[in-house]
Amino acid sequence: MNKAELVDRIAEKSGASKKDSDAILSAAIASIMETVASGTKVTLVGFGSFEPKPRQQREGRNPKTGESMTIPATTVPAFSAGKQFKELVAA
């Protein structure tokens, strides 16, 4: 499912217009991204949580030359599914 299909499904289930559904979905996604980027965890009970996770510096290889290189430490976004979501998928 892509964003347009999700907007269609939200509009269908909520009774809102596609335009309003798109605006709400875009605002929700932007808010989650901004919050996680600022270093704060976002929890949606039953669905899951989004949080920033630090990744340590590590050694890697250049795929073209095969020589070793250092991959710098960084912070990446992570998602953990909630209990309800896990149970629904496992059923």
PDB file of N, CA and C in Angstrom:
ATOM      1  N   MET A   1       0.853  -1.176   0.000  1.00  0.00           N
ATOM      2  CA  MET A   1       0.000   0.000   0.000  1.00  0.00           C
ATOM      3  C   MET A   1       0.895   1.235   0.000  1.00  0.00           C
ATOM      4  N   ASN A   2       0.584   2.166  -0.879  1.00  0.00           N
ATOM      5  CA  ASN A   2       1.341   3.418  -0.911  1.00  0.00           C
ATOM      6  C   ASN A   2       0.523   4.526  -0.237  1.00  0.00           C
ATOM      7  N   LYS A   3       1.060   5.731  -0.210  1.00  0.00           N
ATOM      8  CA  LYS A   3       0.408   6.830   0.498  1.00  0.00           C
ATOM      9  C   LYS A   3      -0.971   7.152  -0.090  1.00  0.00           C
ATOM     10  N   ALA A   4      -1.094   7.158  -1.401  1.00  0.00           N
ATOM     11  CA  ALA A   4      -2.379   7.479  -2.030  1.00  0.00           C
ATOM     12  C   ALA A   4      -3.448   6.452  -1.645  1.00  0.00           C
ATOM     13  N   GLU A   5      -3.060   5.184  -1.614  1.00  0.00           N
ATOM     14  CA  GLU A   5      -4.001   4.137  -1.213  1.00  0.00           C
ATOM     15  C   GLU A   5      -4.380   4.276   0.255  1.00  0.00           C
ATOM     16  N   LEU A   6      -3.418   4.656   1.094  1.00  0.00           N
ATOM     17  CA  LEU A   6      -3.704   4.872   2.512  1.00  0.00           C
ATOM     18  C   LEU A   6      -4.640   6.064   2.697  1.00  0.00           C
ATOM     19  N   VAL A   7      -4.428   7.126   1.950  1.00  0.00           N
ATOM     20  CA  VAL A   7      -5.319   8.290   2.007  1.00  0.00           C
ATOM     21  C   VAL A   7      -6.730   7.880   1.612  1.00  0.00           C
ATOM     22  N   ASP A   8      -6.868   7.080   0.558  1.00  0.00           N
ATOM     23  CA  ASP A   8      -8.184   6.589   0.131  1.00  0.00           C
ATOM     24  C   ASP A   8      -8.860   5.796   1.248  1.00  0.00           C
ATOM     25  N   ARG A   9      -8.099   4.933   1.907  1.00  0.00           N
ATOM     26  CA  ARG A   9      -8.650   4.097   2.982  1.00  0.00           C
ATOM     27  C   ARG A   9      -9.056   4.951   4.178  1.00  0.00           C
ATOM     28  N   ILE A  10      -8.247   5.950   4.523  1.00  0.00           N
ATOM     29  CA  ILE A  10      -8.582   6.846   5.636  1.00  0.00           C
ATOM     30  C   ILE A  10      -9.853   7.620   5.316  1.00  0.00           C
ATOM     31  N   ALA A  11      -9.959   8.132   4.102  1.00  0.00           N
ATOM     32  CA  ALA A  11     -11.150   8.887   3.694  1.00  0.00           C
ATOM     33  C   ALA A  11     -12.394   8.003   3.754  1.00  0.00           C
ATOM     34  N   GLU A  12     -12.252   6.776   3.312  1.00  0.00           N
ATOM     35  CA  GLU A  12     -13.370   5.830   3.310  1.00  0.00           C
ATOM     36  C   GLU A  12     -13.830   5.512   4.740  1.00  0.00           C
ATOM     37  N   LYS A  13     -12.873   5.250   5.627  1.00  0.00           N
ATOM     38  CA  LYS A  13     -13.218   4.860   6.999  1.00  0.00           C
ATOM     39  C   LYS A  13     -13.683   6.030   7.859  1.00  0.00           C
ATOM     40  N   SER A  14     -13.165   7.228   7.579  1.00  0.00           N
ATOM     41  CA  SER A  14     -13.499   8.375   8.436  1.00  0.00           C
ATOM     42  C   SER A  14     -14.649   9.217   7.901  1.00  0.00           C
ATOM     43  N   GLY A  15     -14.936   9.089   6.619  1.00  0.00           N
ATOM     44  CA  GLY A  15     -15.971   9.918   6.020  1.00  0.00           C
ATOM     45  C   GLY A  15     -15.471  11.300   5.638  1.00  0.00           C
ATOM     46  N   ALA A  16     -14.198  11.548   5.827  1.00  0.00           N
ATOM     47  CA  ALA A  16     -13.595  12.834   5.451  1.00  0.00           C
ATOM     48  C   ALA A  16     -13.265  12.814   3.961  1.00  0.00           C
ATOM     49  N   SER A  17     -13.026  13.985   3.398  1.00  0.00           N
ATOM     50  CA  SER A  17     -12.649  14.042   1.982  1.00  0.00           C
ATOM     51  C   SER A  17     -11.217  13.534   1.816  1.00  0.00           C
ATOM     52  N   LYS A  18     -10.875  13.156   0.585  1.00  0.00           N
ATOM     53  CA  LYS A  18      -9.510  12.704   0.311  1.00  0.00           C
ATOM     54  C   LYS A  18      -8.511  13.822   0.575  1.00  0.00           C
ATOM     55  N   LYS A  19      -8.889  15.052   0.230  1.00  0.00           N
ATOM     56  CA  LYS A  19      -8.004  16.197   0.442  1.00  0.00           C
ATOM     57  C   LYS A  19      -7.719  16.390   1.929  1.00  0.00           C
ATOM     58  N   ASP A  20      -8.769  16.325   2.756  1.00  0.00           N
ATOM     59  CA  ASP A  20      -8.587  16.469   4.204  1.00  0.00           C
ATOM     60  C   ASP A  20      -7.792  15.299   4.775  1.00  0.00           C
ATOM     61  N   SER A  21      -8.091  14.101   4.301  1.00  0.00           N
ATOM     62  CA  SER A  21      -7.380  12.906   4.773  1.00  0.00           C
ATOM     63  C   SER A  21      -5.898  12.990   4.443  1.00  0.00           C
ATOM     64  N   ASP A  22      -5.573  13.462   3.243  1.00  0.00           N
ATOM     65  CA  ASP A  22      -4.174  13.622   2.843  1.00  0.00           C
ATOM     66  C   ASP A  22      -3.481  14.647   3.730  1.00  0.00           C
ATOM     67  N   ALA A  23      -4.141  15.762   3.999  1.00  0.00           N
ATOM     68  CA  ALA A  23      -3.554  16.802   4.845  1.00  0.00           C
ATOM     69  C   ALA A  23      -3.310  16.284   6.259  1.00  0.00           C
ATOM     70  N   ILE A  24      -4.257  15.532   6.800  1.00  0.00           N
ATOM     71  CA  ILE A  24      -4.122  14.992   8.158  1.00  0.00           C
ATOM     72  C   ILE A  24      -3.002  13.961   8.216  1.00  0.00           C
ATOM     73  N   LEU A  25      -2.961  13.052   7.246  1.00  0.00           N
ATOM     74  CA  LEU A  25      -1.901  12.041   7.215  1.00  0.00           C
ATOM     75  C   LEU A  25      -0.527  12.690   7.073  1.00  0.00           C
ATOM     76  N   SER A  26      -0.417  13.660   6.177  1.00  0.00           N
ATOM     77  CA  SER A  26       0.867  14.364   5.978  1.00  0.00           C
ATOM     78  C   SER A  26       1.297  15.081   7.246  1.00  0.00           C
ATOM     79  N   ALA A  27       0.352  15.721   7.936  1.00  0.00           N
ATOM     80  CA  ALA A  27       0.667  16.426   9.181  1.00  0.00           C
ATOM     81  C   ALA A  27       1.101  15.444  10.265  1.00  0.00           C
ATOM     82  N   ALA A  28       0.438  14.295  10.346  1.00  0.00           N
ATOM     83  CA  ALA A  28       0.793  13.290  11.355  1.00  0.00           C
ATOM     84  C   ALA A  28       2.200  12.743  11.104  1.00  0.00           C
ATOM     85  N   ILE A  29       2.488  12.419   9.855  1.00  0.00           N
ATOM     86  CA  ILE A  29       3.814  11.889   9.512  1.00  0.00           C
ATOM     87  C   ILE A  29       4.893  12.932   9.782  1.00  0.00           C
ATOM     88  N   ALA A  30       4.645  14.173   9.382  1.00  0.00           N
ATOM     89  CA  ALA A  30       5.625  15.249   9.612  1.00  0.00           C
ATOM     90  C   ALA A  30       5.854  15.457  11.105  1.00  0.00           C
ATOM     91  N   SER A  31       4.792  15.410  11.892  1.00  0.00           N
ATOM     92  CA  SER A  31       4.921  15.594  13.343  1.00  0.00           C
ATOM     93  C   SER A  31       5.740  14.476  13.971  1.00  0.00           C
ATOM     94  N   ILE A  32       5.495  13.236  13.539  1.00  0.00           N
ATOM     95  CA  ILE A  32       6.266  12.105  14.061  1.00  0.00           C
ATOM     96  C   ILE A  32       7.740  12.254  13.690  1.00  0.00           C
ATOM     97  N   MET A  33       8.017  12.600  12.434  1.00  0.00           N
ATOM     98  CA  MET A  33       9.401  12.746  11.978  1.00  0.00           C
ATOM     99  C   MET A  33      10.119  13.859  12.730  1.00  0.00           C
ATOM    100  N   GLU A  34       9.465  14.998  12.913  1.00  0.00           N
ATOM    101  CA  GLU A  34      10.082  16.125  13.630  1.00  0.00           C
ATOM    102  C   GLU A  34      10.367  15.763  15.079  1.00  0.00           C
ATOM    103  N   THR A  35       9.426  15.069  15.723  1.00  0.00           N
ATOM    104  CA  THR A  35       9.601  14.705  17.124  1.00  0.00           C
ATOM    105  C   THR A  35      10.744  13.712  17.303  1.00  0.00           C
ATOM    106  N   VAL A  36      10.798  12.686  16.454  1.00  0.00           N
ATOM    107  CA  VAL A  36      11.871  11.695  16.543  1.00  0.00           C
ATOM    108  C   VAL A  36      13.216  12.342  16.206  1.00  0.00           C
ATOM    109  N   ALA A  37      13.229  13.239  15.215  1.00  0.00           N
ATOM    110  CA  ALA A  37      14.470  13.932  14.841  1.00  0.00           C
ATOM    111  C   ALA A  37      14.996  14.797  15.983  1.00  0.00           C
ATOM    112  N   SER A  38      14.087  15.292  16.838  1.00  0.00           N
ATOM    113  CA  SER A  38      14.526  16.116  17.970  1.00  0.00           C
ATOM    114  C   SER A  38      15.019  15.259  19.135  1.00  0.00           C
ATOM    115  N   GLY A  39      14.917  13.921  19.011  1.00  0.00           N
ATOM    116  CA  GLY A  39      15.438  13.030  20.037  1.00  0.00           C
ATOM    117  C   GLY A  39      14.391  12.487  20.994  1.00  0.00           C
ATOM    118  N   THR A  40      13.113  12.693  20.689  1.00  0.00           N
ATOM    119  CA  THR A  40      12.038  12.255  21.568  1.00  0.00           C
ATOM    120  C   THR A  40      11.321  11.050  20.975  1.00  0.00           C
ATOM    121  N   LYS A  41      10.885  10.140  21.834  1.00  0.00           N
ATOM    122  CA  LYS A  41      10.148   8.939  21.426  1.00  0.00           C
ATOM    123  C   LYS A  41       8.672   9.286  21.226  1.00  0.00           C
ATOM    124  N   VAL A  42       8.056   8.708  20.189  1.00  0.00           N
ATOM    125  CA  VAL A  42       6.622   8.876  19.924  1.00  0.00           C
ATOM    126  C   VAL A  42       5.972   7.503  20.094  1.00  0.00           C
ATOM    127  N   THR A  43       4.980   7.416  20.998  1.00  0.00           N
ATOM    128  CA  THR A  43       4.301   6.157  21.248  1.00  0.00           C
ATOM    129  C   THR A  43       2.830   6.272  20.875  1.00  0.00           C
ATOM    130  N   LEU A  44       2.367   5.365  20.035  1.00  0.00           N
ATOM    131  CA  LEU A  44       0.963   5.268  19.659  1.00  0.00           C
ATOM    132  C   LEU A  44       0.477   3.939  20.227  1.00  0.00           C
ATOM    133  N   VAL A  45      -0.229   3.986  21.353  1.00  0.00           N
ATOM    134  CA  VAL A  45      -0.635   2.794  22.085  1.00  0.00           C
ATOM    135  C   VAL A  45      -1.383   1.836  21.162  1.00  0.00           C
ATOM    136  N   GLY A  46      -0.965   0.580  21.181  1.00  0.00           N
ATOM    137  CA  GLY A  46      -1.570  -0.454  20.349  1.00  0.00           C
ATOM    138  C   GLY A  46      -0.919  -0.579  18.985  1.00  0.00           C
ATOM    139  N   PHE A  47      -0.388   0.513  18.462  1.00  0.00           N
ATOM    140  CA  PHE A  47       0.248   0.494  17.148  1.00  0.00           C
ATOM    141  C   PHE A  47       1.749   0.262  17.272  1.00  0.00           C
ATOM    142  N   GLY A  48       2.435   1.125  18.018  1.00  0.00           N
ATOM    143  CA  GLY A  48       3.872   0.980  18.187  1.00  0.00           C
ATOM    144  C   GLY A  48       4.521   2.285  18.572  1.00  0.00           C
ATOM    145  N   SER A  49       5.849   2.278  18.572  1.00  0.00           N
ATOM    146  CA  SER A  49       6.575   3.489  18.936  1.00  0.00           C
ATOM    147  C   SER A  49       7.717   3.733  17.954  1.00  0.00           C
ATOM    148  N   PHE A  50       7.970   5.004  17.749  1.00  0.00           N
ATOM    149  CA  PHE A  50       9.065   5.474  16.898  1.00  0.00           C
ATOM    150  C   PHE A  50      10.063   6.151  17.819  1.00  0.00           C
ATOM    151  N   GLU A  51      11.350   5.841  17.656  1.00  0.00           N
ATOM    152  CA  GLU A  51      12.353   6.489  18.495  1.00  0.00           C
ATOM    153  C   GLU A  51      13.699   6.563  17.784  1.00  0.00           C
ATOM    154  N   PRO A  52      14.515   7.534  18.186  1.00  0.00           N
ATOM    155  CA  PRO A  52      15.860   7.614  17.627  1.00  0.00           C
ATOM    156  C   PRO A  52      16.762   6.595  18.328  1.00  0.00           C
ATOM    157  N   LYS A  53      17.577   5.883  17.558  1.00  0.00           N
ATOM    158  CA  LYS A  53      18.502   4.897  18.121  1.00  0.00           C
ATOM    159  C   LYS A  53      19.914   5.234  17.655  1.00  0.00           C
ATOM    160  N   PRO A  54      20.841   5.312  18.600  1.00  0.00           N
ATOM    161  CA  PRO A  54      22.230   5.572  18.198  1.00  0.00           C
ATOM    162  C   PRO A  54      22.854   4.324  17.566  1.00  0.00           C
ATOM    163  N   ARG A  55      23.646   4.538  16.549  1.00  0.00           N
ATOM    164  CA  ARG A  55      24.376   3.449  15.902  1.00  0.00           C
ATOM    165  C   ARG A  55      25.855   3.761  16.045  1.00  0.00           C
ATOM    166  N   GLN A  56      26.604   2.815  16.590  1.00  0.00           N
ATOM    167  CA  GLN A  56      28.022   3.041  16.841  1.00  0.00           C
ATOM    168  C   GLN A  56      28.839   3.027  15.557  1.00  0.00           C
ATOM    169  N   GLN A  57      30.016   3.630  15.662  1.00  0.00           N
ATOM    170  CA  GLN A  57      30.968   3.600  14.552  1.00  0.00           C
ATOM    171  C   GLN A  57      31.358   2.147  14.304  1.00  0.00           C
ATOM    172  N   ARG A  58      31.532   1.783  13.041  1.00  0.00           N
ATOM    173  CA  ARG A  58      31.900   0.406  12.740  1.00  0.00           C
ATOM    174  C   ARG A  58      32.761   0.346  11.483  1.00  0.00           C
ATOM    175  N   GLU A  59      33.369  -0.795  11.294  1.00  0.00           N
ATOM    176  CA  GLU A  59      34.206  -1.014  10.123  1.00  0.00           C
ATOM    177  C   GLU A  59      33.345  -1.586   8.997  1.00  0.00           C
ATOM    178  N   GLY A  60      33.591  -1.129   7.790  1.00  0.00           N
ATOM    179  CA  GLY A  60      32.882  -1.644   6.631  1.00  0.00           C
ATOM    180  C   GLY A  60      33.850  -1.830   5.484  1.00  0.00           C
ATOM    181  N   ARG A  61      33.344  -2.245   4.349  1.00  0.00           N
ATOM    182  CA  ARG A  61      34.176  -2.437   3.167  1.00  0.00           C
ATOM    183  C   ARG A  61      33.566  -1.686   1.992  1.00  0.00           C
ATOM    184  N   ASN A  62      34.426  -1.061   1.209  1.00  0.00           N
ATOM    185  CA  ASN A  62      34.004  -0.423  -0.020  1.00  0.00           C
ATOM    186  C   ASN A  62      33.681  -1.546  -1.011  1.00  0.00           C
ATOM    187  N   PRO A  63      32.430  -1.633  -1.480  1.00  0.00           N
ATOM    188  CA  PRO A  63      32.079  -2.752  -2.363  1.00  0.00           C
ATOM    189  C   PRO A  63      32.824  -2.756  -3.699  1.00  0.00           C
ATOM    190  N   LYS A  64      33.264  -1.597  -4.170  1.00  0.00           N
ATOM    191  CA  LYS A  64      33.979  -1.547  -5.450  1.00  0.00           C
ATOM    192  C   LYS A  64      35.424  -1.996  -5.311  1.00  0.00           C
ATOM    193  N   THR A  65      36.105  -1.484  -4.273  1.00  0.00           N
ATOM    194  CA  THR A  65      37.539  -1.751  -4.138  1.00  0.00           C
ATOM    195  C   THR A  65      37.846  -2.832  -3.116  1.00  0.00           C
ATOM    196  N   GLY A  66      36.923  -3.091  -2.198  1.00  0.00           N
ATOM    197  CA  GLY A  66      37.153  -4.097  -1.169  1.00  0.00           C
ATOM    198  C   GLY A  66      37.982  -3.591  -0.002  1.00  0.00           C
ATOM    199  N   GLU A  67      38.416  -2.329  -0.051  1.00  0.00           N
ATOM    200  CA  GLU A  67      39.240  -1.837   1.052  1.00  0.00           C
ATOM    201  C   GLU A  67      38.390  -1.453   2.261  1.00  0.00           C
ATOM    202  N   SER A  68      38.995  -1.577   3.447  1.00  0.00           N
ATOM    203  CA  SER A  68      38.309  -1.250   4.697  1.00  0.00           C
ATOM    204  C   SER A  68      38.073   0.240   4.805  1.00  0.00           C
ATOM    205  N   MET A  69      36.946   0.564   5.451  1.00  0.00           N
ATOM    206  CA  MET A  69      36.645   1.967   5.704  1.00  0.00           C
ATOM    207  C   MET A  69      35.881   2.045   7.013  1.00  0.00           C
ATOM    208  N   THR A  70      35.921   3.195   7.636  1.00  0.00           N
ATOM    209  CA  THR A  70      35.198   3.398   8.878  1.00  0.00           C
ATOM    210  C   THR A  70      33.869   4.066   8.572  1.00  0.00           C
ATOM    211  N   ILE A  71      32.799   3.451   9.061  1.00  0.00           N
ATOM    212  CA  ILE A  71      31.463   4.027   8.915  1.00  0.00           C
ATOM    213  C   ILE A  71      31.200   4.802  10.203  1.00  0.00           C
ATOM    214  N   PRO A  72      30.966   6.115  10.106  1.00  0.00           N
ATOM    215  CA  PRO A  72      30.841   6.928  11.319  1.00  0.00           C
ATOM    216  C   PRO A  72      29.581   6.611  12.129  1.00  0.00           C
ATOM    217  N   ALA A  73      29.628   6.936  13.413  1.00  0.00           N
ATOM    218  CA  ALA A  73      28.478   6.778  14.297  1.00  0.00           C
ATOM    219  C   ALA A  73      27.377   7.733  13.841  1.00  0.00           C
ATOM    220  N   THR A  74      26.140   7.321  14.022  1.00  0.00           N
ATOM    221  CA  THR A  74      25.005   8.139  13.621  1.00  0.00           C
ATOM    222  C   THR A  74      23.783   7.758  14.447  1.00  0.00           C
ATOM    223  N   THR A  75      22.721   8.485  14.273  1.00  0.00           N
ATOM    224  CA  THR A  75      21.454   8.160  14.911  1.00  0.00           C
ATOM    225  C   THR A  75      20.458   7.836  13.807  1.00  0.00           C
ATOM    226  N   VAL A  76      19.724   6.732  13.977  1.00  0.00           N
ATOM    227  CA  VAL A  76      18.755   6.295  12.972  1.00  0.00           C
ATOM    228  C   VAL A  76      17.372   6.163  13.600  1.00  0.00           C
ATOM    229  N   PRO A  77      16.320   6.324  12.806  1.00  0.00           N
ATOM    230  CA  PRO A  77      14.977   6.125  13.345  1.00  0.00           C
ATOM    231  C   PRO A  77      14.682   4.629  13.472  1.00  0.00           C
ATOM    232  N   ALA A  78      13.927   4.261  14.515  1.00  0.00           N
ATOM    233  CA  ALA A  78      13.560   2.860  14.724  1.00  0.00           C
ATOM    234  C   ALA A  78      12.081   2.775  15.064  1.00  0.00           C
ATOM    235  N   PHE A  79      11.445   1.695  14.623  1.00  0.00           N
ATOM    236  CA  PHE A  79      10.037   1.454  14.936  1.00  0.00           C
ATOM    237  C   PHE A  79       9.918   0.136  15.668  1.00  0.00           C
ATOM    238  N   SER A  80       9.144   0.128  16.748  1.00  0.00           N
ATOM    239  CA  SER A  80       8.842  -1.103  17.480  1.00  0.00           C
ATOM    240  C   SER A  80       7.333  -1.276  17.467  1.00  0.00           C
ATOM    241  N   ALA A  81       6.865  -2.399  16.957  1.00  0.00           N
ATOM    242  CA  ALA A  81       5.424  -2.647  16.886  1.00  0.00           C
ATOM    243  C   ALA A  81       4.855  -2.886  18.277  1.00  0.00           C
ATOM    244  N   GLY A  82       3.648  -2.404  18.492  1.00  0.00           N
ATOM    245  CA  GLY A  82       2.957  -2.589  19.758  1.00  0.00           C
ATOM    246  C   GLY A  82       2.328  -3.973  19.839  1.00  0.00           C
ATOM    247  N   LYS A  83       1.885  -4.343  21.025  1.00  0.00           N
ATOM    248  CA  LYS A  83       1.321  -5.670  21.279  1.00  0.00           C
ATOM    249  C   LYS A  83       0.124  -5.965  20.366  1.00  0.00           C
ATOM    250  N   GLN A  84      -0.808  -5.024  20.274  1.00  0.00           N
ATOM    251  CA  GLN A  84      -2.000  -5.220  19.445  1.00  0.00           C
ATOM    252  C   GLN A  84      -1.632  -5.445  17.982  1.00  0.00           C
ATOM    253  N   PHE A  85      -0.685  -4.652  17.474  1.00  0.00           N
ATOM    254  CA  PHE A  85      -0.242  -4.759  16.097  1.00  0.00           C
ATOM    255  C   PHE A  85       0.409  -6.121  15.855  1.00  0.00           C
ATOM    256  N   LYS A  86       1.284  -6.551  16.766  1.00  0.00           N
ATOM    257  CA  LYS A  86       1.957  -7.846  16.639  1.00  0.00           C
ATOM    258  C   LYS A  86       0.944  -8.984  16.616  1.00  0.00           C
ATOM    259  N   GLU A  87      -0.045  -8.896  17.507  1.00  0.00           N
ATOM    260  CA  GLU A  87      -1.056  -9.956  17.572  1.00  0.00           C
ATOM    261  C   GLU A  87      -1.893 -10.016  16.294  1.00  0.00           C
ATOM    262  N   LEU A  88      -2.236  -8.851  15.751  1.00  0.00           N
ATOM    263  CA  LEU A  88      -3.017  -8.799  14.514  1.00  0.00           C
ATOM    264  C   LEU A  88      -2.261  -9.407  13.339  1.00  0.00           C
ATOM    265  N   VAL A  89      -0.980  -9.114  13.228  1.00  0.00           N
ATOM    266  CA  VAL A  89      -0.160  -9.629  12.135  1.00  0.00           C
ATOM    267  C   VAL A  89       0.061 -11.134  12.294  1.00  0.00           C
ATOM    268  N   ALA A  90       0.224 -11.596  13.533  1.00  0.00           N
ATOM    269  CA  ALA A  90       0.491 -13.018  13.789  1.00  0.00           C
ATOM    270  C   ALA A  90      -0.744 -13.893  13.581  1.00  0.00           C
ATOM    271  N   ALA A  91      -1.930 -13.294  13.595  1.00  0.00           N
ATOM    272  CA  ALA A  91      -3.172 -14.084  13.480  1.00  0.00           C
ATOM    273  C   ALA A  91      -3.392 -14.615  12.090  1.00  0.00           C
TER     274      ALA A  91
END
